[in-house]
Amino acid sequence: MSIINIVNGKTKVYGLIGYPISHTLSPIIHNSIGNLMKNNMVYLPFEVSPEGLKKAIQGAYELNIKGLNVTVPHKQKVIPFLSKVEGYAKQIGAVNTLKWSKDGYIGYNTDAEGLLISLKENNISIKDKSILIIGAGGAARATSMMIASQSPKEIVIANRTLEKAEKLAKDVSLFYNIPVKSISLDTIDKNMYFDLCFQTTSVGMTPKEDESPIKNDDFFNQIKIAVDLIYTPSETLFLKKARKAGCKTLNGFGMLFYQAARAYEIWNETVIPKEALEQLFRKIKNELEF
């Protein structure tokens, strides 16, 4: 066995915090990237309740955990416990990547970049397209800002709580001069048509695979491409209904993989060779049957 695969006193620790966390594939991806780059590291999942978030961040820092990914429901709530927020995360107002520094964890957001790479790999263009975004949480913020940066025709944000959708639409408009409007999720009617629909909520995620944010099956005749940021299960009820209606569909595995790669590069201040990364993506995707 290679010494790289043995945990020892020099092994760097990374991880993921979220609630729940049992569905995650992030350890497979990050530990595979670590092996690819011959990095003496280990990446672990840590289930952290909302009530324990502050103590978890403080404890991880004192344990010298070099980097953390952040998932539902902590992407926005973790920000007050960071030393600062960098780059795109400032615009989004949510973080998914924390890097250890002498002053505390620094927050970044690689979700948007990961999603954009995944779309490009699947020949899905945003420019001049009509876009519907379901949800208004941290993932929706990253999705909205990324889409707005790619010159769409329009963005419509639909959420169960209209006030949250209105707030996100307003925030997007502060940075991008494109048509953005907000609606309540239950007011999507039969006269609305979209080139792309992004499902950004956790509805339908394992173990609640029998749920979908859209109850009316006729809705799927009003969209051409359906993207669900969930990756477990690999095909949510939302995507099943979209596929049945003839839509092109894409799950969140590509976004997960490429945002993980960017997080690794931030933590280690390096660049992963493109060809090697693409080979690893295909290998993991095939083995996991995504």
C-alpha atoms as a PDB file:
ATOM      1  CA  MET A   1       0.000   0.000   0.000  1.00  0.00           C
ATOM      2  CA  SER A   2       1.241   3.483  -0.879  1.00  0.00           C
ATOM      3  CA  ILE A   3       2.212   5.677   2.048  1.00  0.00           C
ATOM      4  CA  ILE A   4      -0.181   8.283   0.551  1.00  0.00           C
ATOM      5  CA  ASN A   5      -3.118   6.050   1.473  1.00  0.00           C
ATOM      6  CA  ILE A   6      -2.117   5.739   5.119  1.00  0.00           C
ATOM      7  CA  VAL A   7      -3.422   8.261   7.668  1.00  0.00           C
ATOM      8  CA  ASN A   8      -0.554   9.551   9.802  1.00  0.00           C
ATOM      9  CA  GLY A   9       0.576  12.561  11.791  1.00  0.00           C
ATOM     10  CA  LYS A  10       0.944  14.671   8.658  1.00  0.00           C
ATOM     11  CA  THR A  11      -2.487  13.880   7.219  1.00  0.00           C
ATOM     12  CA  LYS A  12      -4.554  17.013   6.557  1.00  0.00           C
ATOM     13  CA  VAL A  13      -8.250  16.795   7.449  1.00  0.00           C
ATOM     14  CA  TYR A  14     -11.074  18.269   5.396  1.00  0.00           C
ATOM     15  CA  GLY A  15     -14.800  17.709   5.607  1.00  0.00           C
ATOM     16  CA  LEU A  16     -18.410  18.586   4.925  1.00  0.00           C
ATOM     17  CA  ILE A  17     -20.950  19.998   7.366  1.00  0.00           C
ATOM     18  CA  GLY A  18     -24.686  19.761   6.777  1.00  0.00           C
ATOM     19  CA  TYR A  19     -27.948  18.451   8.222  1.00  0.00           C
ATOM     20  CA  PRO A  20     -28.814  15.782   7.196  1.00  0.00           C
ATOM     21  CA  ILE A  21     -25.572  14.452   5.726  1.00  0.00           C
ATOM     22  CA  SER A  22     -25.956  10.694   5.183  1.00  0.00           C
ATOM     23  CA  HIS A  23     -26.745  11.103   1.467  1.00  0.00           C
ATOM     24  CA  THR A  24     -23.504  12.871   0.590  1.00  0.00           C
ATOM     25  CA  LEU A  25     -21.108  11.725  -2.136  1.00  0.00           C
ATOM     26  CA  SER A  26     -18.566  14.439  -1.353  1.00  0.00           C
ATOM     27  CA  PRO A  27     -16.141  12.127   0.532  1.00  0.00           C
ATOM     28  CA  ILE A  28     -15.869   9.873  -2.533  1.00  0.00           C
ATOM     29  CA  ILE A  29     -15.099  12.822  -4.791  1.00  0.00           C
ATOM     30  CA  HIS A  30     -12.671  14.660  -2.520  1.00  0.00           C
ATOM     31  CA  ASN A  31     -10.732  11.604  -1.410  1.00  0.00           C
ATOM     32  CA  SER A  32     -10.463  10.557  -5.073  1.00  0.00           C
ATOM     33  CA  ILE A  33      -9.124  13.995  -5.995  1.00  0.00           C
ATOM     34  CA  GLY A  34      -6.674  13.773  -3.098  1.00  0.00           C
ATOM     35  CA  ASN A  35      -5.401  10.430  -4.378  1.00  0.00           C
ATOM     36  CA  LEU A  36      -5.180  11.831  -7.900  1.00  0.00           C
ATOM     37  CA  MET A  37      -3.034  14.707  -6.660  1.00  0.00           C
ATOM     38  CA  LYS A  38      -1.024  12.455  -4.306  1.00  0.00           C
ATOM     39  CA  ASN A  39      -2.078  14.589  -1.349  1.00  0.00           C
ATOM     40  CA  ASN A  40      -1.839  13.153   2.180  1.00  0.00           C
ATOM     41  CA  MET A  41      -5.382  14.072   3.215  1.00  0.00           C
ATOM     42  CA  VAL A  42      -8.704  12.661   4.338  1.00  0.00           C
ATOM     43  CA  TYR A  43     -12.183  14.124   3.792  1.00  0.00           C
ATOM     44  CA  LEU A  44     -15.026  13.262   6.178  1.00  0.00           C
ATOM     45  CA  PRO A  45     -18.742  14.074   6.577  1.00  0.00           C
ATOM     46  CA  PHE A  46     -19.822  15.844   9.785  1.00  0.00           C
ATOM     47  CA  GLU A  47     -23.521  16.076  10.612  1.00  0.00           C
ATOM     48  CA  VAL A  48     -24.065  19.429  12.310  1.00  0.00           C
ATOM     49  CA  SER A  49     -27.471  20.622  13.504  1.00  0.00           C
ATOM     50  CA  PRO A  50     -28.436  24.283  13.071  1.00  0.00           C
ATOM     51  CA  GLU A  51     -28.256  24.724  16.848  1.00  0.00           C
ATOM     52  CA  GLY A  52     -24.696  23.408  16.963  1.00  0.00           C
ATOM     53  CA  LEU A  53     -23.310  25.300  13.968  1.00  0.00           C
ATOM     54  CA  LYS A  54     -21.308  27.950  15.825  1.00  0.00           C
ATOM     55  CA  LYS A  55     -19.660  25.428  18.163  1.00  0.00           C
ATOM     56  CA  ALA A  56     -18.920  23.121  15.222  1.00  0.00           C
ATOM     57  CA  ILE A  57     -17.078  25.878  13.344  1.00  0.00           C
ATOM     58  CA  GLN A  58     -15.123  26.858  16.447  1.00  0.00           C
ATOM     59  CA  GLY A  59     -14.236  23.241  17.184  1.00  0.00           C
ATOM     60  CA  ALA A  60     -13.195  22.468  13.605  1.00  0.00           C
ATOM     61  CA  TYR A  61     -10.917  25.498  13.607  1.00  0.00           C
ATOM     62  CA  GLU A  62      -9.255  24.497  16.865  1.00  0.00           C
ATOM     63  CA  LEU A  63      -8.819  20.953  15.521  1.00  0.00           C
ATOM     64  CA  ASN A  64      -6.932  22.470  12.577  1.00  0.00           C
ATOM     65  CA  ILE A  65      -9.350  21.112   9.976  1.00  0.00           C
ATOM     66  CA  LYS A  66      -7.891  22.815   6.912  1.00  0.00           C
ATOM     67  CA  GLY A  67     -11.049  23.143   4.869  1.00  0.00           C
ATOM     68  CA  LEU A  68     -14.781  22.526   5.024  1.00  0.00           C
ATOM     69  CA  ASN A  69     -17.581  22.355   2.541  1.00  0.00           C
ATOM     70  CA  VAL A  70     -20.963  23.644   3.683  1.00  0.00           C
ATOM     71  CA  THR A  71     -24.326  22.318   2.536  1.00  0.00           C
ATOM     72  CA  VAL A  72     -28.012  22.602   3.471  1.00  0.00           C
ATOM     73  CA  PRO A  73     -29.075  24.283   5.725  1.00  0.00           C
ATOM     74  CA  HIS A  74     -25.906  26.192   6.692  1.00  0.00           C
ATOM     75  CA  LYS A  75     -24.769  28.074   3.561  1.00  0.00           C
ATOM     76  CA  GLN A  76     -26.031  31.451   4.730  1.00  0.00           C
ATOM     77  CA  LYS A  77     -26.167  30.930   8.494  1.00  0.00           C
ATOM     78  CA  VAL A  78     -22.456  30.089   8.718  1.00  0.00           C
ATOM     79  CA  ILE A  79     -21.318  33.516   7.472  1.00  0.00           C
ATOM     80  CA  PRO A  80     -21.364  35.317  10.862  1.00  0.00           C
ATOM     81  CA  PHE A  81     -18.842  32.777  12.177  1.00  0.00           C
ATOM     82  CA  LEU A  82     -16.229  33.453   9.474  1.00  0.00           C
ATOM     83  CA  SER A  83     -13.309  35.871   9.502  1.00  0.00           C
ATOM     84  CA  LYS A  84     -14.272  37.141   6.029  1.00  0.00           C
ATOM     85  CA  VAL A  85     -16.011  36.227   2.797  1.00  0.00           C
ATOM     86  CA  GLU A  86     -14.201  36.366  -0.529  1.00  0.00           C
ATOM     87  CA  GLY A  87     -15.039  36.845  -4.197  1.00  0.00           C
ATOM     88  CA  TYR A  88     -18.255  35.519  -5.660  1.00  0.00           C
ATOM     89  CA  ALA A  89     -19.607  34.553  -2.228  1.00  0.00           C
ATOM     90  CA  LYS A  90     -20.036  38.251  -1.393  1.00  0.00           C
ATOM     91  CA  GLN A  91     -22.375  38.659  -4.342  1.00  0.00           C
ATOM     92  CA  ILE A  92     -24.293  35.480  -3.631  1.00  0.00           C
ATOM     93  CA  GLY A  93     -24.552  35.995   0.113  1.00  0.00           C
ATOM     94  CA  ALA A  94     -23.945  32.286   0.742  1.00  0.00           C
ATOM     95  CA  VAL A  95     -20.844  30.139   1.096  1.00  0.00           C
ATOM     96  CA  ASN A  96     -20.124  26.475   0.435  1.00  0.00           C
ATOM     97  CA  THR A  97     -16.364  26.393   1.030  1.00  0.00           C
ATOM     98  CA  LEU A  98     -14.333  27.377   4.104  1.00  0.00           C
ATOM     99  CA  LYS A  99     -10.550  27.706   4.102  1.00  0.00           C
ATOM    100  CA  TRP A 100      -8.502  27.752   7.309  1.00  0.00           C
ATOM    101  CA  SER A 101      -6.456  30.900   7.940  1.00  0.00           C
ATOM    102  CA  LYS A 102      -4.652  32.298  10.967  1.00  0.00           C
ATOM    103  CA  ASP A 103      -7.549  34.704  11.554  1.00  0.00           C
ATOM    104  CA  GLY A 104     -10.345  32.158  11.168  1.00  0.00           C
ATOM    105  CA  TYR A 105     -12.144  30.456   8.314  1.00  0.00           C
ATOM    106  CA  ILE A 106     -12.526  32.370   5.029  1.00  0.00           C
ATOM    107  CA  GLY A 107     -15.731  31.754   3.074  1.00  0.00           C
ATOM    108  CA  TYR A 108     -15.980  31.111  -0.673  1.00  0.00           C
ATOM    109  CA  ASN A 109     -18.697  29.892  -3.019  1.00  0.00           C
ATOM    110  CA  THR A 110     -17.833  27.389  -5.752  1.00  0.00           C
ATOM    111  CA  ASP A 111     -21.415  26.209  -6.393  1.00  0.00           C
ATOM    112  CA  ALA A 112     -22.041  28.662  -9.212  1.00  0.00           C
ATOM    113  CA  GLU A 113     -18.849  27.805 -11.060  1.00  0.00           C
ATOM    114  CA  GLY A 114     -19.480  24.093 -10.621  1.00  0.00           C
ATOM    115  CA  LEU A 115     -22.987  24.421 -12.058  1.00  0.00           C
ATOM    116  CA  LEU A 116     -21.793  26.460 -15.031  1.00  0.00           C
ATOM    117  CA  ILE A 117     -19.099  23.901 -15.901  1.00  0.00           C
ATOM    118  CA  SER A 118     -21.679  21.103 -15.656  1.00  0.00           C
ATOM    119  CA  LEU A 119     -24.040  22.947 -18.011  1.00  0.00           C
ATOM    120  CA  LYS A 120     -21.283  23.560 -20.538  1.00  0.00           C
ATOM    121  CA  GLU A 121     -20.214  19.905 -20.405  1.00  0.00           C
ATOM    122  CA  ASN A 122     -23.801  19.004 -21.335  1.00  0.00           C
ATOM    123  CA  ASN A 123     -24.085  21.608 -24.121  1.00  0.00           C
ATOM    124  CA  ILE A 124     -26.685  23.657 -22.239  1.00  0.00           C
ATOM    125  CA  SER A 125     -26.523  27.390 -22.974  1.00  0.00           C
ATOM    126  CA  ILE A 126     -28.089  30.180 -20.916  1.00  0.00           C
ATOM    127  CA  LYS A 127     -27.538  33.161 -23.210  1.00  0.00           C
ATOM    128  CA  ASP A 128     -30.831  34.675 -24.467  1.00  0.00           C
ATOM    129  CA  LYS A 129     -32.859  31.951 -22.735  1.00  0.00           C
ATOM    130  CA  SER A 130     -35.940  32.283 -20.538  1.00  0.00           C
ATOM    131  CA  ILE A 131     -35.075  30.831 -17.112  1.00  0.00           C
ATOM    132  CA  LEU A 132     -37.247  29.656 -14.215  1.00  0.00           C
ATOM    133  CA  ILE A 133     -35.620  29.094 -10.824  1.00  0.00           C
ATOM    134  CA  ILE A 134     -37.544  27.151  -8.179  1.00  0.00           C
ATOM    135  CA  GLY A 135     -36.452  28.124  -4.675  1.00  0.00           C
ATOM    136  CA  ALA A 136     -34.882  31.147  -3.007  1.00  0.00           C
ATOM    137  CA  GLY A 137     -32.330  29.689  -0.585  1.00  0.00           C
ATOM    138  CA  GLY A 138     -28.541  29.492  -0.718  1.00  0.00           C
ATOM    139  CA  ALA A 139     -28.420  27.225  -3.779  1.00  0.00           C
ATOM    140  CA  ALA A 140     -30.932  29.446  -5.568  1.00  0.00           C
ATOM    141  CA  ARG A 141     -28.777  32.494  -4.876  1.00  0.00           C
ATOM    142  CA  ALA A 142     -25.725  30.876  -6.429  1.00  0.00           C
ATOM    143  CA  THR A 143     -27.774  29.670  -9.388  1.00  0.00           C
ATOM    144  CA  SER A 144     -29.432  33.052  -9.939  1.00  0.00           C
ATOM    145  CA  MET A 145     -26.212  35.054  -9.874  1.00  0.00           C
ATOM    146  CA  MET A 146     -24.444  32.621 -12.195  1.00  0.00           C
ATOM    147  CA  ILE A 147     -27.339  32.637 -14.664  1.00  0.00           C
ATOM    148  CA  ALA A 148     -27.588  36.428 -14.563  1.00  0.00           C
ATOM    149  CA  SER A 149     -23.888  36.663 -15.468  1.00  0.00           C
ATOM    150  CA  GLN A 150     -24.498  34.638 -18.648  1.00  0.00           C
ATOM    151  CA  SER A 151     -26.898  37.117 -20.310  1.00  0.00           C
ATOM    152  CA  PRO A 152     -30.242  35.276 -20.217  1.00  0.00           C
ATOM    153  CA  LYS A 153     -33.403  36.713 -21.783  1.00  0.00           C
ATOM    154  CA  GLU A 154     -35.165  36.754 -18.414  1.00  0.00           C
ATOM    155  CA  ILE A 155     -35.137  35.134 -14.972  1.00  0.00           C
ATOM    156  CA  VAL A 156     -38.262  34.227 -13.012  1.00  0.00           C
ATOM    157  CA  ILE A 157     -37.781  33.154  -9.381  1.00  0.00           C
ATOM    158  CA  ALA A 158     -40.598  31.048  -7.912  1.00  0.00           C
ATOM    159  CA  ASN A 159     -40.755  30.208  -4.226  1.00  0.00           C
ATOM    160  CA  ARG A 160     -43.368  29.074  -1.718  1.00  0.00           C
ATOM    161  CA  THR A 161     -42.672  32.218   0.305  1.00  0.00           C
ATOM    162  CA  LEU A 162     -43.042  35.126  -2.102  1.00  0.00           C
ATOM    163  CA  GLU A 163     -41.094  37.547   0.111  1.00  0.00           C
ATOM    164  CA  LYS A 164     -37.938  35.425  -0.186  1.00  0.00           C
ATOM    165  CA  ALA A 165     -38.285  35.289  -3.967  1.00  0.00           C
ATOM    166  CA  GLU A 166     -38.746  39.062  -4.083  1.00  0.00           C
ATOM    167  CA  LYS A 167     -35.627  39.582  -1.967  1.00  0.00           C
ATOM    168  CA  LEU A 168     -33.528  37.362  -4.227  1.00  0.00           C
ATOM    169  CA  ALA A 169     -34.845  39.037  -7.386  1.00  0.00           C
ATOM    170  CA  LYS A 170     -33.961  42.425  -5.927  1.00  0.00           C
ATOM    171  CA  ASP A 171     -30.455  41.255  -5.010  1.00  0.00           C
ATOM    172  CA  VAL A 172     -29.817  39.914  -8.520  1.00  0.00           C
ATOM    173  CA  SER A 173     -30.963  43.230  -9.995  1.00  0.00           C
ATOM    174  CA  LEU A 174     -28.372  45.066  -7.897  1.00  0.00           C
ATOM    175  CA  PHE A 175     -25.587  43.343  -9.843  1.00  0.00           C
ATOM    176  CA  TYR A 176     -27.068  42.624 -13.286  1.00  0.00           C
ATOM    177  CA  ASN A 177     -29.173  44.690 -15.673  1.00  0.00           C
ATOM    178  CA  ILE A 178     -31.498  41.949 -16.884  1.00  0.00           C
ATOM    179  CA  PRO A 179     -35.244  41.300 -16.447  1.00  0.00           C
ATOM    180  CA  VAL A 180     -35.781  39.491 -13.106  1.00  0.00           C
ATOM    181  CA  LYS A 181     -39.148  38.927 -11.490  1.00  0.00           C
ATOM    182  CA  SER A 182     -40.498  36.919  -8.574  1.00  0.00           C
ATOM    183  CA  ILE A 183     -43.683  34.875  -8.208  1.00  0.00           C
ATOM    184  CA  SER A 184     -45.222  32.529  -5.684  1.00  0.00           C
ATOM    185  CA  LEU A 185     -44.617  28.887  -6.608  1.00  0.00           C
ATOM    186  CA  ASP A 186     -48.334  28.138  -6.770  1.00  0.00           C
ATOM    187  CA  THR A 187     -48.982  30.921  -9.280  1.00  0.00           C
ATOM    188  CA  ILE A 188     -47.082  29.349 -12.188  1.00  0.00           C
ATOM    189  CA  ASP A 189     -49.791  29.071 -14.835  1.00  0.00           C
ATOM    190  CA  LYS A 190     -50.248  27.336 -18.180  1.00  0.00           C
ATOM    191  CA  ASN A 191     -49.278  30.460 -20.142  1.00  0.00           C
ATOM    192  CA  MET A 192     -45.721  30.505 -18.804  1.00  0.00           C
ATOM    193  CA  TYR A 193     -43.026  28.842 -20.921  1.00  0.00           C
ATOM    194  CA  PHE A 194     -39.329  28.496 -20.129  1.00  0.00           C
ATOM    195  CA  ASP A 195     -36.257  27.240 -21.955  1.00  0.00           C
ATOM    196  CA  LEU A 196     -34.653  26.070 -18.696  1.00  0.00           C
ATOM    197  CA  CYS A 197     -35.979  25.304 -15.233  1.00  0.00           C
ATOM    198  CA  PHE A 198     -33.622  24.968 -12.266  1.00  0.00           C
ATOM    199  CA  GLN A 199     -34.929  23.116  -9.194  1.00  0.00           C
ATOM    200  CA  THR A 200     -32.764  24.375  -6.321  1.00  0.00           C
ATOM    201  CA  THR A 201     -34.690  23.241  -3.226  1.00  0.00           C
ATOM    202  CA  SER A 202     -34.099  20.088  -1.153  1.00  0.00           C
ATOM    203  CA  VAL A 203     -37.571  18.735  -1.985  1.00  0.00           C
ATOM    204  CA  GLY A 204     -37.185  15.227  -3.396  1.00  0.00           C
ATOM    205  CA  MET A 205     -33.803  14.539  -1.801  1.00  0.00           C
ATOM    206  CA  THR A 206     -33.136  11.158  -0.212  1.00  0.00           C
ATOM    207  CA  PRO A 207     -34.905   9.874   1.893  1.00  0.00           C
ATOM    208  CA  LYS A 208     -37.978  11.740   0.602  1.00  0.00           C
ATOM    209  CA  GLU A 209     -37.747  10.607  -3.028  1.00  0.00           C
ATOM    210  CA  ASP A 210     -41.549  10.637  -3.473  1.00  0.00           C
ATOM    211  CA  GLU A 211     -41.780  14.427  -3.194  1.00  0.00           C
ATOM    212  CA  SER A 212     -41.586  17.163  -5.849  1.00  0.00           C
ATOM    213  CA  PRO A 213     -41.904  20.950  -5.570  1.00  0.00           C
ATOM    214  CA  ILE A 214     -44.183  20.836  -8.625  1.00  0.00           C
ATOM    215  CA  LYS A 215     -47.509  19.051  -8.142  1.00  0.00           C
ATOM    216  CA  ASN A 216     -49.053  19.752 -11.561  1.00  0.00           C
ATOM    217  CA  ASP A 217     -47.660  17.365 -14.189  1.00  0.00           C
ATOM    218  CA  ASP A 218     -48.809  19.675 -17.018  1.00  0.00           C
ATOM    219  CA  PHE A 219     -46.116  22.112 -15.917  1.00  0.00           C
ATOM    220  CA  PHE A 220     -43.445  19.951 -17.515  1.00  0.00           C
ATOM    221  CA  ASN A 221     -44.927  20.614 -20.948  1.00  0.00           C
ATOM    222  CA  GLN A 222     -44.032  24.258 -20.409  1.00  0.00           C
ATOM    223  CA  ILE A 223     -40.267  23.736 -20.121  1.00  0.00           C
ATOM    224  CA  LYS A 224     -37.599  22.369 -22.471  1.00  0.00           C
ATOM    225  CA  ILE A 225     -34.746  21.535 -20.085  1.00  0.00           C
ATOM    226  CA  ALA A 226     -35.042  20.569 -16.410  1.00  0.00           C
ATOM    227  CA  VAL A 227     -32.046  20.816 -14.055  1.00  0.00           C
ATOM    228  CA  ASP A 228     -32.311  19.533 -10.486  1.00  0.00           C
ATOM    229  CA  LEU A 229     -29.407  20.382  -8.192  1.00  0.00           C
ATOM    230  CA  ILE A 230     -30.142  17.257  -6.128  1.00  0.00           C
ATOM    231  CA  TYR A 231     -27.932  14.256  -6.895  1.00  0.00           C
ATOM    232  CA  THR A 232     -29.302  11.652  -4.466  1.00  0.00           C
ATOM    233  CA  PRO A 233     -31.367  10.081  -5.842  1.00  0.00           C
ATOM    234  CA  SER A 234     -29.744  10.437  -9.262  1.00  0.00           C
ATOM    235  CA  GLU A 235     -33.198  10.978 -10.766  1.00  0.00           C
ATOM    236  CA  THR A 236     -35.644  12.823  -8.536  1.00  0.00           C
ATOM    237  CA  LEU A 237     -39.399  12.672  -9.004  1.00  0.00           C
ATOM    238  CA  PHE A 238     -39.092  16.164 -10.511  1.00  0.00           C
ATOM    239  CA  LEU A 239     -36.669  14.881 -13.171  1.00  0.00           C
ATOM    240  CA  LYS A 240     -38.691  11.712 -13.785  1.00  0.00           C
ATOM    241  CA  LYS A 241     -41.763  13.783 -14.589  1.00  0.00           C
ATOM    242  CA  ALA A 242     -39.711  16.137 -16.764  1.00  0.00           C
ATOM    243  CA  ARG A 243     -38.174  13.247 -18.718  1.00  0.00           C
ATOM    244  CA  LYS A 244     -41.603  11.661 -19.199  1.00  0.00           C
ATOM    245  CA  ALA A 245     -42.799  14.956 -20.684  1.00  0.00           C
ATOM    246  CA  GLY A 246     -39.918  14.924 -23.178  1.00  0.00           C
ATOM    247  CA  CYS A 247     -37.601  17.407 -21.471  1.00  0.00           C
ATOM    248  CA  LYS A 248     -33.825  17.150 -21.491  1.00  0.00           C
ATOM    249  CA  THR A 249     -32.813  16.529 -17.875  1.00  0.00           C
ATOM    250  CA  LEU A 250     -29.693  17.003 -15.765  1.00  0.00           C
ATOM    251  CA  ASN A 251     -29.094  16.196 -12.102  1.00  0.00           C
ATOM    252  CA  GLY A 252     -26.724  17.866  -9.664  1.00  0.00           C
ATOM    253  CA  PHE A 253     -23.834  15.411  -9.796  1.00  0.00           C
ATOM    254  CA  GLY A 254     -21.800  17.436 -12.286  1.00  0.00           C
ATOM    255  CA  MET A 255     -22.247  20.557 -10.198  1.00  0.00           C
ATOM    256  CA  LEU A 256     -21.214  18.635  -7.079  1.00  0.00           C
ATOM    257  CA  PHE A 257     -18.099  17.252  -8.738  1.00  0.00           C
ATOM    258  CA  TYR A 258     -16.851  20.491 -10.266  1.00  0.00           C
ATOM    259  CA  GLN A 259     -17.587  22.654  -7.234  1.00  0.00           C
ATOM    260  CA  ALA A 260     -15.605  20.099  -5.201  1.00  0.00           C
ATOM    261  CA  ALA A 261     -12.691  20.388  -7.600  1.00  0.00           C
ATOM    262  CA  ARG A 262     -12.691  24.176  -7.248  1.00  0.00           C
ATOM    263  CA  ALA A 263     -12.845  23.884  -3.445  1.00  0.00           C
ATOM    264  CA  TYR A 264      -9.836  21.552  -3.521  1.00  0.00           C
ATOM    265  CA  GLU A 265      -7.928  24.078  -5.638  1.00  0.00           C
ATOM    266  CA  ILE A 266      -8.752  26.879  -3.188  1.00  0.00           C
ATOM    267  CA  TRP A 267      -7.694  24.852  -0.145  1.00  0.00           C
ATOM    268  CA  ASN A 268      -4.434  23.732  -1.713  1.00  0.00           C
ATOM    269  CA  GLU A 269      -3.692  26.801  -3.867  1.00  0.00           C
ATOM    270  CA  THR A 270      -3.207  24.636  -6.932  1.00  0.00           C
ATOM    271  CA  VAL A 271      -4.770  23.801 -10.302  1.00  0.00           C
ATOM    272  CA  ILE A 272      -5.923  20.258 -11.071  1.00  0.00           C
ATOM    273  CA  PRO A 273      -4.857  19.178 -14.599  1.00  0.00           C
ATOM    274  CA  LYS A 274      -7.972  19.411 -16.802  1.00  0.00           C
ATOM    275  CA  GLU A 275      -7.565  16.097 -18.597  1.00  0.00           C
ATOM    276  CA  ALA A 276      -6.934  14.167 -15.388  1.00  0.00           C
ATOM    277  CA  LEU A 277      -9.959  15.810 -13.749  1.00  0.00           C
ATOM    278  CA  GLU A 278     -12.226  14.922 -16.682  1.00  0.00           C
ATOM    279  CA  GLN A 279     -11.042  11.312 -16.555  1.00  0.00           C
ATOM    280  CA  LEU A 280     -11.769  11.155 -12.835  1.00  0.00           C
ATOM    281  CA  PHE A 281     -15.237  12.626 -13.404  1.00  0.00           C
ATOM    282  CA  ARG A 282     -16.093   9.949 -15.966  1.00  0.00           C
ATOM    283  CA  LYS A 283     -14.730   7.190 -13.733  1.00  0.00           C
ATOM    284  CA  ILE A 284     -16.707   8.232 -10.646  1.00  0.00           C
ATOM    285  CA  LYS A 285     -19.859   8.919 -12.646  1.00  0.00           C
ATOM    286  CA  ASN A 286     -19.732   5.477 -14.234  1.00  0.00           C
ATOM    287  CA  GLU A 287     -18.994   3.674 -10.974  1.00  0.00           C
ATOM    288  CA  LEU A 288     -21.847   5.477  -9.187  1.00  0.00           C
ATOM    289  CA  GLU A 289     -24.130   5.044 -12.222  1.00  0.00           C
ATOM    290  CA  PHE A 290     -24.920   8.710 -12.596  1.00  0.00           C
END
